PDB file of N, CA and C in Angstrom:
ATOM      1  N   UNK A   1       0.273  -1.531   0.195  1.00  0.00           N
ATOM      2  CA  UNK A   1      -0.115  -0.463   0.419  1.00  0.00           C
ATOM      3  C   UNK A   1       0.748   1.737   0.030  1.00  0.00           C
ATOM      4  N   UNK A   2       0.291   2.879  -1.315  1.00  0.00           N
ATOM      5  CA  UNK A   2       1.238   3.614  -0.478  1.00  0.00           C
ATOM      6  C   UNK A   2       1.297   4.588   0.387  1.00  0.00           C
ATOM      7  N   UNK A   3       1.917   5.242   0.256  1.00  0.00           N
ATOM      8  CA  UNK A   3       0.832   5.689   1.202  1.00  0.00           C
ATOM      9  C   UNK A   3       1.835   7.236   1.219  1.00  0.00           C
ATOM     10  N   UNK A   4       0.844   8.603   1.125  1.00  0.00           N
ATOM     11  CA  UNK A   4       0.966   9.248   1.079  1.00  0.00           C
ATOM     12  C   UNK A   4       1.686  10.004   2.099  1.00  0.00           C
ATOM     13  N   UNK A   5       0.907   9.972   3.658  1.00  0.00           N
ATOM     14  CA  UNK A   5       1.938  10.841   4.749  1.00  0.00           C
ATOM     15  C   UNK A   5       1.335   9.717   5.210  1.00  0.00           C
ATOM     16  N   UNK A   6       2.329  10.351   6.891  1.00  0.00           N
ATOM     17  CA  UNK A   6       2.663   9.618   8.102  1.00  0.00           C
ATOM     18  C   UNK A   6       2.590  10.045   9.007  1.00  0.00           C
ATOM     19  N   UNK A   7       1.156   9.384   9.858  1.00  0.00           N
ATOM     20  CA  UNK A   7       2.290  10.887  11.416  1.00  0.00           C
ATOM     21  C   UNK A   7       2.046   9.713  12.718  1.00  0.00           C
ATOM     22  N   UNK A   8       2.539   9.623  13.946  1.00  0.00           N
ATOM     23  CA  UNK A   8       2.907   9.319  14.878  1.00  0.00           C
ATOM     24  C   UNK A   8       2.154  10.034  16.241  1.00  0.00           C
ATOM     25  N   UNK A   9       0.765   9.735  16.697  1.00  0.00           N
ATOM     26  CA  UNK A   9       0.517  10.153  17.340  1.00  0.00           C
ATOM     27  C   UNK A   9       1.064  10.291  18.635  1.00  0.00           C
ATOM     28  N   UNK A  10       1.593  10.305  19.502  1.00  0.00           N
ATOM     29  CA  UNK A  10       2.958   9.639  20.400  1.00  0.00           C
ATOM     30  C   UNK A  10       1.057   9.171  22.055  1.00  0.00           C
ATOM     31  N   UNK A  11      -0.189  10.924  22.054  1.00  0.00           N
ATOM     32  CA  UNK A  11       0.260  10.688  22.830  1.00  0.00           C
ATOM     33  C   UNK A  11      -1.738   9.613  22.663  1.00  0.00           C
ATOM     34  N   UNK A  12      -2.038   8.944  22.221  1.00  0.00           N
ATOM     35  CA  UNK A  12      -3.247   7.788  21.796  1.00  0.00           C
ATOM     36  C   UNK A  12      -2.143   7.110  21.194  1.00  0.00           C
ATOM     37  N   UNK A  13      -1.001   6.897  21.272  1.00  0.00           N
ATOM     38  CA  UNK A  13      -0.275   5.165  20.290  1.00  0.00           C
ATOM     39  C   UNK A  13      -0.796   4.822  19.377  1.00  0.00           C
ATOM     40  N   UNK A  14      -0.947   6.022  18.398  1.00  0.00           N
ATOM     41  CA  UNK A  14      -0.910   5.580  17.489  1.00  0.00           C
ATOM     42  C   UNK A  14      -0.531   5.640  15.840  1.00  0.00           C
ATOM     43  N   UNK A  15      -0.250   5.318  14.932  1.00  0.00           N
ATOM     44  CA  UNK A  15       0.480   5.907  13.767  1.00  0.00           C
ATOM     45  C   UNK A  15      -1.236   6.076  12.696  1.00  0.00           C
ATOM     46  N   UNK A  16      -0.640   7.526  12.512  1.00  0.00           N
ATOM     47  CA  UNK A  16      -2.336   7.832  11.230  1.00  0.00           C
ATOM     48  C   UNK A  16      -1.391   7.907   9.788  1.00  0.00           C
ATOM     49  N   UNK A  17      -2.545   7.390   7.957  1.00  0.00           N
ATOM     50  CA  UNK A  17      -1.819   7.475   7.593  1.00  0.00           C
ATOM     51  C   UNK A  17      -2.848   8.215   6.589  1.00  0.00           C
ATOM     52  N   UNK A  18      -2.324   8.825   5.431  1.00  0.00           N
ATOM     53  CA  UNK A  18      -3.219   8.593   4.523  1.00  0.00           C
ATOM     54  C   UNK A  18      -2.749   8.127   3.551  1.00  0.00           C
ATOM     55  N   UNK A  19      -4.349   6.437   2.721  1.00  0.00           N
ATOM     56  CA  UNK A  19      -3.012   6.386   1.731  1.00  0.00           C
ATOM     57  C   UNK A  19      -3.648   6.873   0.343  1.00  0.00           C
ATOM     58  N   UNK A  20      -3.287   5.326  -1.042  1.00  0.00           N
ATOM     59  CA  UNK A  20      -3.282   7.494  -2.165  1.00  0.00           C
ATOM     60  C   UNK A  20      -4.712   6.782  -2.710  1.00  0.00           C
ATOM     61  N   UNK A  21      -5.365   6.032  -1.627  1.00  0.00           N
ATOM     62  CA  UNK A  21      -7.191   5.049  -2.097  1.00  0.00           C
ATOM     63  C   UNK A  21      -8.315   6.418  -0.649  1.00  0.00           C
ATOM     64  N   UNK A  22      -6.931   7.072  -0.919  1.00  0.00           N
ATOM     65  CA  UNK A  22      -8.567   8.704  -0.722  1.00  0.00           C
ATOM     66  C   UNK A  22      -9.166   7.748   1.145  1.00  0.00           C
ATOM     67  N   UNK A  23      -8.152   7.312   1.024  1.00  0.00           N
ATOM     68  CA  UNK A  23      -8.655   6.717   2.399  1.00  0.00           C
ATOM     69  C   UNK A  23      -7.546   6.427   3.971  1.00  0.00           C
ATOM     70  N   UNK A  24      -8.042   7.025   5.547  1.00  0.00           N
ATOM     71  CA  UNK A  24      -7.333   6.616   6.579  1.00  0.00           C
ATOM     72  C   UNK A  24      -6.754   5.706   6.698  1.00  0.00           C
ATOM     73  N   UNK A  25      -5.932   5.270   7.702  1.00  0.00           N
ATOM     74  CA  UNK A  25      -5.450   4.300   7.369  1.00  0.00           C
ATOM     75  C   UNK A  25      -5.219   4.338   9.393  1.00  0.00           C
ATOM     76  N   UNK A  26      -5.373   4.306  10.623  1.00  0.00           N
ATOM     77  CA  UNK A  26      -4.941   3.637  11.947  1.00  0.00           C
ATOM     78  C   UNK A  26      -4.195   3.150  12.696  1.00  0.00           C
ATOM     79  N   UNK A  27      -3.093   2.505  13.369  1.00  0.00           N
ATOM     80  CA  UNK A  27      -2.901   1.090  13.894  1.00  0.00           C
ATOM     81  C   UNK A  27      -2.773   1.416  15.330  1.00  0.00           C
ATOM     82  N   UNK A  28      -3.493   1.477  16.293  1.00  0.00           N
ATOM     83  CA  UNK A  28      -3.461   1.040  17.449  1.00  0.00           C
ATOM     84  C   UNK A  28      -2.773   0.097  18.379  1.00  0.00           C
ATOM     85  N   UNK A  29      -1.294   0.458  18.929  1.00  0.00           N
ATOM     86  CA  UNK A  29      -0.613   0.294  19.565  1.00  0.00           C
ATOM     87  C   UNK A  29      -0.346  -0.155  20.810  1.00  0.00           C
ATOM     88  N   UNK A  30      -1.755  -1.389  21.216  1.00  0.00           N
ATOM     89  CA  UNK A  30      -2.162  -1.831  22.048  1.00  0.00           C
ATOM     90  C   UNK A  30      -1.259  -2.146  23.367  1.00  0.00           C
ATOM     91  N   UNK A  31      -0.374  -3.006  22.814  1.00  0.00           N
ATOM     92  CA  UNK A  31       0.728  -3.318  24.277  1.00  0.00           C
ATOM     93  C   UNK A  31       1.284  -3.777  22.805  1.00  0.00           C
ATOM     94  N   UNK A  32       2.289  -4.429  24.259  1.00  0.00           N
ATOM     95  CA  UNK A  32       3.401  -5.506  23.083  1.00  0.00           C
ATOM     96  C   UNK A  32       2.842  -6.100  22.431  1.00  0.00           C
ATOM     97  N   UNK A  33       1.623  -6.669  21.643  1.00  0.00           N
ATOM     98  CA  UNK A  33       1.543  -7.864  21.559  1.00  0.00           C
ATOM     99  C   UNK A  33      -0.027  -7.968  20.638  1.00  0.00           C
ATOM    100  N   UNK A  34      -0.529  -6.499  20.894  1.00  0.00           N
ATOM    101  CA  UNK A  34      -1.925  -6.370  20.489  1.00  0.00           C
ATOM    102  C   UNK A  34      -2.149  -5.546  19.905  1.00  0.00           C
ATOM    103  N   UNK A  35      -2.416  -5.641  18.253  1.00  0.00           N
ATOM    104  CA  UNK A  35      -2.321  -4.210  17.924  1.00  0.00           C
ATOM    105  C   UNK A  35      -4.058  -4.216  16.441  1.00  0.00           C
ATOM    106  N   UNK A  36      -4.626  -2.788  16.911  1.00  0.00           N
ATOM    107  CA  UNK A  36      -5.882  -2.303  15.527  1.00  0.00           C
ATOM    108  C   UNK A  36      -5.436  -2.194  14.975  1.00  0.00           C
ATOM    109  N   UNK A  37      -5.707  -2.380  13.530  1.00  0.00           N
ATOM    110  CA  UNK A  37      -6.069  -1.736  12.417  1.00  0.00           C
ATOM    111  C   UNK A  37      -7.369  -1.051  11.902  1.00  0.00           C
ATOM    112  N   UNK A  38      -7.733  -0.234  11.502  1.00  0.00           N
ATOM    113  CA  UNK A  38      -8.417   0.519  11.036  1.00  0.00           C
ATOM    114  C   UNK A  38      -8.234   1.102   9.915  1.00  0.00           C
ATOM    115  N   UNK A  39      -9.442   1.174   8.921  1.00  0.00           N
ATOM    116  CA  UNK A  39      -9.428   1.947   7.691  1.00  0.00           C
ATOM    117  C   UNK A  39     -10.902   2.729   7.531  1.00  0.00           C
ATOM    118  N   UNK A  40     -11.093   4.125   7.487  1.00  0.00           N
ATOM    119  CA  UNK A  40     -11.436   4.632   6.843  1.00  0.00           C
ATOM    120  C   UNK A  40     -12.510   4.714   5.705  1.00  0.00           C
ATOM    121  N   UNK A  41     -13.704   4.866   5.710  1.00  0.00           N
ATOM    122  CA  UNK A  41     -14.366   5.439   4.364  1.00  0.00           C
ATOM    123  C   UNK A  41     -13.811   6.229   3.201  1.00  0.00           C
ATOM    124  N   UNK A  42     -13.192   7.608   3.830  1.00  0.00           N
ATOM    125  CA  UNK A  42     -12.963   8.362   3.258  1.00  0.00           C
ATOM    126  C   UNK A  42     -11.729   8.547   3.788  1.00  0.00           C
ATOM    127  N   UNK A  43     -10.677  10.124   3.503  1.00  0.00           N
ATOM    128  CA  UNK A  43     -10.014  10.924   4.085  1.00  0.00           C
ATOM    129  C   UNK A  43     -11.274  11.697   5.067  1.00  0.00           C
ATOM    130  N   UNK A  44     -10.654  11.976   6.349  1.00  0.00           N
ATOM    131  CA  UNK A  44     -11.533  13.065   7.706  1.00  0.00           C
ATOM    132  C   UNK A  44     -12.565  12.343   7.712  1.00  0.00           C
ATOM    133  N   UNK A  45     -13.182  11.547   7.872  1.00  0.00           N
ATOM    134  CA  UNK A  45     -14.099  10.943   8.635  1.00  0.00           C
ATOM    135  C   UNK A  45     -13.979  10.580  10.336  1.00  0.00           C
ATOM    136  N   UNK A  46     -15.334  10.564  11.267  1.00  0.00           N
ATOM    137  CA  UNK A  46     -14.038  10.976  12.365  1.00  0.00           C
ATOM    138  C   UNK A  46     -14.261   9.601  13.166  1.00  0.00           C
ATOM    139  N   UNK A  47     -13.469   9.624  13.828  1.00  0.00           N
ATOM    140  CA  UNK A  47     -13.579   8.185  14.232  1.00  0.00           C
ATOM    141  C   UNK A  47     -14.518   7.818  15.517  1.00  0.00           C
ATOM    142  N   UNK A  48     -15.798   8.628  15.367  1.00  0.00           N
ATOM    143  CA  UNK A  48     -16.326   8.408  16.444  1.00  0.00           C
ATOM    144  C   UNK A  48     -17.675   7.632  15.198  1.00  0.00           C
ATOM    145  N   UNK A  49     -17.651   7.940  14.006  1.00  0.00           N
ATOM    146  CA  UNK A  49     -18.495   7.948  12.571  1.00  0.00           C
ATOM    147  C   UNK A  49     -18.894   6.312  12.823  1.00  0.00           C
ATOM    148  N   UNK A  50     -19.165   5.658  11.918  1.00  0.00           N
ATOM    149  CA  UNK A  50     -19.483   4.455  12.312  1.00  0.00           C
ATOM    150  C   UNK A  50     -19.007   4.320  10.237  1.00  0.00           C
ATOM    151  N   UNK A  51     -17.744   4.885  10.364  1.00  0.00           N
ATOM    152  CA  UNK A  51     -17.078   4.780   8.859  1.00  0.00           C
ATOM    153  C   UNK A  51     -16.583   3.949   8.227  1.00  0.00           C
ATOM    154  N   UNK A  52     -16.116   2.643  10.050  1.00  0.00           N
ATOM    155  CA  UNK A  52     -14.521   1.935   9.643  1.00  0.00           C
ATOM    156  C   UNK A  52     -14.300   0.176   9.467  1.00  0.00           C
ATOM    157  N   UNK A  53     -13.607  -0.205   9.068  1.00  0.00           N
ATOM    158  CA  UNK A  53     -13.552  -1.468   9.070  1.00  0.00           C
ATOM    159  C   UNK A  53     -12.862  -2.083  10.003  1.00  0.00           C
ATOM    160  N   UNK A  54     -12.475  -2.205  11.330  1.00  0.00           N
ATOM    161  CA  UNK A  54     -11.312  -2.860  11.745  1.00  0.00           C
ATOM    162  C   UNK A  54     -10.596  -4.208  11.736  1.00  0.00           C
ATOM    163  N   UNK A  55      -9.514  -4.691  11.854  1.00  0.00           N
ATOM    164  CA  UNK A  55      -8.690  -5.559  12.292  1.00  0.00           C
ATOM    165  C   UNK A  55      -7.969  -5.713  13.280  1.00  0.00           C
ATOM    166  N   UNK A  56      -7.789  -6.765  14.360  1.00  0.00           N
ATOM    167  CA  UNK A  56      -7.161  -6.674  16.198  1.00  0.00           C
ATOM    168  C   UNK A  56      -6.145  -8.298  15.215  1.00  0.00           C
ATOM    169  N   UNK A  57      -4.174  -7.730  15.424  1.00  0.00           N
ATOM    170  CA  UNK A  57      -3.420  -8.246  14.968  1.00  0.00           C
ATOM    171  C   UNK A  57      -3.423  -8.717  15.988  1.00  0.00           C
ATOM    172  N   UNK A  58      -3.193  -9.922  16.540  1.00  0.00           N
ATOM    173  CA  UNK A  58      -2.149 -10.651  17.643  1.00  0.00           C
ATOM    174  C   UNK A  58      -1.305 -11.260  17.452  1.00  0.00           C
ATOM    175  N   UNK A  59      -0.092 -11.207  18.610  1.00  0.00           N
ATOM    176  CA  UNK A  59       1.633 -12.075  18.437  1.00  0.00           C
ATOM    177  C   UNK A  59       1.071 -12.433  19.621  1.00  0.00           C
ATOM    178  N   UNK A  60       1.267 -13.362  19.341  1.00  0.00           N
ATOM    179  CA  UNK A  60       2.017 -14.593  20.957  1.00  0.00           C
ATOM    180  C   UNK A  60       3.097 -15.727  20.379  1.00  0.00           C
ATOM    181  N   UNK A  61       3.942 -15.300  20.691  1.00  0.00           N
ATOM    182  CA  UNK A  61       5.553 -15.869  20.294  1.00  0.00           C
ATOM    183  C   UNK A  61       6.240 -15.787  18.813  1.00  0.00           C
ATOM    184  N   UNK A  62       6.370 -17.190  17.639  1.00  0.00           N
ATOM    185  CA  UNK A  62       6.824 -16.403  16.636  1.00  0.00           C
ATOM    186  C   UNK A  62       4.786 -17.174  15.441  1.00  0.00           C
ATOM    187  N   UNK A  63       3.153 -16.783  17.020  1.00  0.00           N
ATOM    188  CA  UNK A  63       2.403 -16.237  16.054  1.00  0.00           C
ATOM    189  C   UNK A  63       1.532 -15.908  15.724  1.00  0.00           C
ATOM    190  N   UNK A  64       1.835 -15.011  13.800  1.00  0.00           N
ATOM    191  CA  UNK A  64       0.778 -13.574  14.605  1.00  0.00           C
ATOM    192  C   UNK A  64      -0.837 -13.910  14.631  1.00  0.00           C
ATOM    193  N   UNK A  65      -1.934 -14.424  14.179  1.00  0.00           N
ATOM    194  CA  UNK A  65      -3.385 -13.577  14.613  1.00  0.00           C
ATOM    195  C   UNK A  65      -3.611 -12.892  14.066  1.00  0.00           C
ATOM    196  N   UNK A  66      -4.726 -12.724  12.545  1.00  0.00           N
ATOM    197  CA  UNK A  66      -5.892 -11.706  12.835  1.00  0.00           C
ATOM    198  C   UNK A  66      -7.296 -11.372  12.465  1.00  0.00           C
ATOM    199  N   UNK A  67      -7.998 -10.923  13.507  1.00  0.00           N
ATOM    200  CA  UNK A  67      -9.239 -11.287  13.038  1.00  0.00           C
ATOM    201  C   UNK A  67     -10.393 -10.028  12.685  1.00  0.00           C
ATOM    202  N   UNK A  68     -10.663  -9.845  12.455  1.00  0.00           N
ATOM    203  CA  UNK A  68     -11.864  -8.955  12.017  1.00  0.00           C
ATOM    204  C   UNK A  68     -13.175  -8.502  12.392  1.00  0.00           C
ATOM    205  N   UNK A  69     -12.548  -7.478  13.183  1.00  0.00           N
ATOM    206  CA  UNK A  69     -14.208  -7.216  14.263  1.00  0.00           C
ATOM    207  C   UNK A  69     -15.315  -7.450  13.709  1.00  0.00           C
ATOM    208  N   UNK A  70     -16.823  -7.702  14.837  1.00  0.00           N
ATOM    209  CA  UNK A  70     -17.481  -8.676  14.136  1.00  0.00           C
ATOM    210  C   UNK A  70     -17.364  -9.907  13.246  1.00  0.00           C
ATOM    211  N   UNK A  71     -15.673 -10.068  13.323  1.00  0.00           N
ATOM    212  CA  UNK A  71     -16.047 -11.156  11.990  1.00  0.00           C
ATOM    213  C   UNK A  71     -16.669 -10.138  10.544  1.00  0.00           C
ATOM    214  N   UNK A  72     -16.712  -9.125  10.132  1.00  0.00           N
ATOM    215  CA  UNK A  72     -16.464  -9.110   9.067  1.00  0.00           C
ATOM    216  C   UNK A  72     -15.584  -8.403   7.899  1.00  0.00           C
ATOM    217  N   UNK A  73     -15.690  -9.252   7.112  1.00  0.00           N
ATOM    218  CA  UNK A  73     -14.024  -8.320   6.117  1.00  0.00           C
ATOM    219  C   UNK A  73     -13.386  -7.244   6.418  1.00  0.00           C
ATOM    220  N   UNK A  74     -12.716  -7.157   6.018  1.00  0.00           N
ATOM    221  CA  UNK A  74     -12.243  -5.858   6.313  1.00  0.00           C
ATOM    222  C   UNK A  74     -12.918  -4.308   5.353  1.00  0.00           C
ATOM    223  N   UNK A  75     -12.658  -4.436   4.430  1.00  0.00           N
ATOM    224  CA  UNK A  75     -13.641  -3.170   3.342  1.00  0.00           C
ATOM    225  C   UNK A  75     -15.160  -3.730   3.593  1.00  0.00           C
ATOM    226  N   UNK A  76     -15.759  -3.843   5.053  1.00  0.00           N
ATOM    227  CA  UNK A  76     -16.820  -3.426   5.348  1.00  0.00           C
ATOM    228  C   UNK A  76     -17.113  -2.057   6.257  1.00  0.00           C
ATOM    229  N   UNK A  77     -17.067  -0.279   5.691  1.00  0.00           N
ATOM    230  CA  UNK A  77     -16.422   0.288   6.433  1.00  0.00           C
ATOM    231  C   UNK A  77     -18.479   0.699   7.476  1.00  0.00           C
ATOM    232  N   UNK A  78     -18.590  -0.041   8.699  1.00  0.00           N
ATOM    233  CA  UNK A  78     -19.243   0.660   9.611  1.00  0.00           C
ATOM    234  C   UNK A  78     -19.122  -0.266  10.438  1.00  0.00           C
ATOM    235  N   UNK A  79     -18.151  -0.223  11.495  1.00  0.00           N
ATOM    236  CA  UNK A  79     -17.129   0.202  12.311  1.00  0.00           C
ATOM    237  C   UNK A  79     -17.194   1.792  12.740  1.00  0.00           C
ATOM    238  N   UNK A  80     -17.020   1.270  14.027  1.00  0.00           N
ATOM    239  CA  UNK A  80     -17.007   2.806  15.433  1.00  0.00           C
ATOM    240  C   UNK A  80     -15.378   3.131  15.720  1.00  0.00           C
ATOM    241  N   UNK A  81     -14.275   3.250  15.026  1.00  0.00           N
ATOM    242  CA  UNK A  81     -12.676   3.236  15.265  1.00  0.00           C
ATOM    243  C   UNK A  81     -12.575   3.605  16.780  1.00  0.00           C
ATOM    244  N   UNK A  82     -13.185   5.039  17.883  1.00  0.00           N
ATOM    245  CA  UNK A  82     -13.438   4.700  18.984  1.00  0.00           C
ATOM    246  C   UNK A  82     -14.072   3.245  19.814  1.00  0.00           C
ATOM    247  N   UNK A  83     -15.093   1.974  19.379  1.00  0.00           N
ATOM    248  CA  UNK A  83     -15.170   1.792  20.030  1.00  0.00           C
ATOM    249  C   UNK A  83     -13.997  -0.174  19.903  1.00  0.00           C
ATOM    250  N   UNK A  84     -13.508   0.070  19.512  1.00  0.00           N
ATOM    251  CA  UNK A  84     -12.881  -1.102  18.713  1.00  0.00           C
ATOM    252  C   UNK A  84     -12.736  -1.608  19.434  1.00  0.00           C
ATOM    253  N   UNK A  85     -11.727  -1.824  20.710  1.00  0.00           N
ATOM    254  CA  UNK A  85     -11.789  -3.139  21.752  1.00  0.00           C
ATOM    255  C   UNK A  85     -13.612  -3.684  22.120  1.00  0.00           C
ATOM    256  N   UNK A  86     -14.192  -2.910  21.958  1.00  0.00           N
ATOM    257  CA  UNK A  86     -15.470  -3.703  22.370  1.00  0.00           C
ATOM    258  C   UNK A  86     -15.888  -4.713  21.928  1.00  0.00           C
ATOM    259  N   UNK A  87     -15.645  -4.297  20.573  1.00  0.00           N
ATOM    260  CA  UNK A  87     -15.952  -5.240  19.427  1.00  0.00           C
ATOM    261  C   UNK A  87     -16.140  -6.542  19.502  1.00  0.00           C
ATOM    262  N   UNK A  88     -16.659  -8.178  18.679  1.00  0.00           N
ATOM    263  CA  UNK A  88     -16.088  -9.643  18.798  1.00  0.00           C
ATOM    264  C   UNK A  88     -14.619  -9.225  17.640  1.00  0.00           C
ATOM    265  N   UNK A  89     -13.787 -10.070  17.557  1.00  0.00           N
ATOM    266  CA  UNK A  89     -13.309 -10.307  16.689  1.00  0.00           C
ATOM    267  C   UNK A  89     -13.182 -11.497  16.739  1.00  0.00           C
ATOM    268  N   UNK A  90     -13.215 -12.280  14.802  1.00  0.00           N
ATOM    269  CA  UNK A  90     -13.357 -13.532  14.978  1.00  0.00           C
ATOM    270  C   UNK A  90     -12.936 -12.977  13.467  1.00  0.00           C
TER     271      UNK A  90
END
């Protein structure tokens, strides 16, 4: 994925990217072994809007597992980024 803009928001422990597909991507390093990745429907979407696709990436030892919010594909933009920890992942 090509990146046009890259910023690290240290206060919120997240990386914000603007992609060439005109979407925002946020990476939240929740812990040393847990990361949430969100992609918005379009640039400028609020993190409180239901316009995000979210996946969870967990690493235990040498095994990395990727699961998706509510089990939906990563191209379904109907989640709220601010609620990422509260979704069920599969």
